[in-house]
C-alpha atoms as a PDB file:
ATOM      1  CA  MET A   1      -0.516  -4.185  33.493  1.00  0.00           C
ATOM      2  CA  PRO A   2       2.114  -4.788  30.789  1.00  0.00           C
ATOM      3  CA  ALA A   3      -0.339  -7.050  28.942  1.00  0.00           C
ATOM      4  CA  GLN A   4      -2.765  -4.131  28.509  1.00  0.00           C
ATOM      5  CA  SER A   5       0.067  -1.967  27.161  1.00  0.00           C
ATOM      6  CA  ASN A   6       1.004  -4.700  24.707  1.00  0.00           C
ATOM      7  CA  ARG A   7      -2.592  -4.957  23.508  1.00  0.00           C
ATOM      8  CA  THR A   8      -2.833  -1.206  23.017  1.00  0.00           C
ATOM      9  CA  SER A   9       0.398  -0.990  21.049  1.00  0.00           C
ATOM     10  CA  HIS A  10      -0.555  -4.026  18.957  1.00  0.00           C
ATOM     11  CA  THR A  11      -3.917  -2.463  18.131  1.00  0.00           C
ATOM     12  CA  ALA A  12      -2.230   0.797  17.144  1.00  0.00           C
ATOM     13  CA  VAL A  13       0.208  -1.046  14.871  1.00  0.00           C
ATOM     14  CA  CYS A  14      -2.621  -2.996  13.223  1.00  0.00           C
ATOM     15  CA  ILE A  15      -4.655   0.149  12.593  1.00  0.00           C
ATOM     16  CA  ALA A  16      -1.598   1.919  11.160  1.00  0.00           C
ATOM     17  CA  ALA A  17      -0.850  -1.038   8.883  1.00  0.00           C
ATOM     18  CA  PHE A  18      -4.465  -1.064   7.675  1.00  0.00           C
ATOM     19  CA  VAL A  19      -4.392   2.654   6.886  1.00  0.00           C
ATOM     20  CA  ILE A  20      -0.991   2.456   5.181  1.00  0.00           C
ATOM     21  CA  TYR A  21      -1.926  -0.522   3.025  1.00  0.00           C
ATOM     22  CA  TYR A  22      -5.246   0.812   1.757  1.00  0.00           C
ATOM     23  CA  SER A  23      -4.190   4.434   1.311  1.00  0.00           C
ATOM     24  CA  LEU A  24      -0.993   3.372  -0.450  1.00  0.00           C
ATOM     25  CA  PHE A  25      -2.944   2.051  -3.414  1.00  0.00           C
ATOM     26  CA  TYR A  26      -4.715   5.362  -4.015  1.00  0.00           C
ATOM     27  CA  PHE A  27      -1.607   7.493  -3.520  1.00  0.00           C
ATOM     28  CA  ALA A  28       0.464   5.168  -5.684  1.00  0.00           C
ATOM     29  CA  ILE A  29      -1.732   5.762  -8.711  1.00  0.00           C
ATOM     30  CA  PHE A  30      -0.901   9.465  -8.605  1.00  0.00           C
ATOM     31  CA  ILE A  31       2.782   8.911  -7.814  1.00  0.00           C
ATOM     32  CA  PHE A  32       3.283   6.321 -10.549  1.00  0.00           C
ATOM     33  CA  ALA A  33       1.350   8.417 -13.061  1.00  0.00           C
ATOM     34  CA  ILE A  34       3.836  11.237 -12.510  1.00  0.00           C
ATOM     35  CA  PHE A  35       7.136   9.347 -12.252  1.00  0.00           C
ATOM     36  CA  ILE A  36       6.710   6.343 -14.574  1.00  0.00           C
ATOM     37  CA  PRO A  37       6.484   7.436 -18.208  1.00  0.00           C
ATOM     38  CA  GLY A  38       4.525   4.418 -19.477  1.00  0.00           C
ATOM     39  CA  PHE A  39       2.013   4.219 -16.624  1.00  0.00           C
ATOM     40  CA  ILE A  40      -0.730   5.965 -18.605  1.00  0.00           C
ATOM     41  CA  ARG A  41      -0.417   3.286 -21.281  1.00  0.00           C
ATOM     42  CA  LEU A  42      -0.620   0.587 -18.583  1.00  0.00           C
ATOM     43  CA  TYR A  43      -3.746   2.262 -17.257  1.00  0.00           C
ATOM     44  CA  GLN A  44      -5.338   2.414 -20.699  1.00  0.00           C
ATOM     45  CA  ASN A  45      -4.617  -1.276 -21.319  1.00  0.00           C
ATOM     46  CA  GLY A  46      -5.969  -2.318 -17.911  1.00  0.00           C
ATOM     47  CA  LEU A  47      -2.606  -3.500 -16.622  1.00  0.00           C
ATOM     48  CA  ASP A  48      -2.205  -0.899 -13.916  1.00  0.00           C
ATOM     49  CA  CYS A  49      -3.655  -3.009 -11.084  1.00  0.00           C
ATOM     50  CA  PRO A  50      -1.402  -6.041 -11.678  1.00  0.00           C
ATOM     51  CA  PHE A  51       1.581  -3.704 -11.889  1.00  0.00           C
ATOM     52  CA  LEU A  52       0.672  -1.911  -8.663  1.00  0.00           C
ATOM     53  CA  HIS A  53       0.062  -5.195  -6.848  1.00  0.00           C
ATOM     54  CA  GLY A  54       3.392  -6.659  -7.936  1.00  0.00           C
ATOM     55  CA  ALA A  55       5.521  -3.558  -7.582  1.00  0.00           C
ATOM     56  CA  LEU A  56       4.050  -1.883  -4.536  1.00  0.00           C
ATOM     57  CA  LEU A  57       1.361  -3.709  -2.602  1.00  0.00           C
ATOM     58  CA  LEU A  58       3.061  -7.098  -2.417  1.00  0.00           C
ATOM     59  CA  PRO A  59       6.299  -5.724  -0.904  1.00  0.00           C
ATOM     60  CA  CYS A  60       4.258  -3.518   1.445  1.00  0.00           C
ATOM     61  CA  SER A  61       2.196  -6.463   2.664  1.00  0.00           C
ATOM     62  CA  LEU A  62       5.319  -8.548   3.173  1.00  0.00           C
ATOM     63  CA  LEU A  63       6.915  -5.777   5.240  1.00  0.00           C
ATOM     64  CA  LEU A  64       3.815  -5.142   7.304  1.00  0.00           C
END
């Protein structure tokens, strides 16, 4: 029976990691647009995605 409990908790952790990782990108755009003064300029120059990947998504994926 403990194996079934381990599978259930592992599935829950994987689903939570999936939701956190993919929703973090969309929420980060709004958060960075408010708190980082030059983010609008990064967005206009097309450098927002590399910045978000390096500053936010890479550390998140390493932690998850």
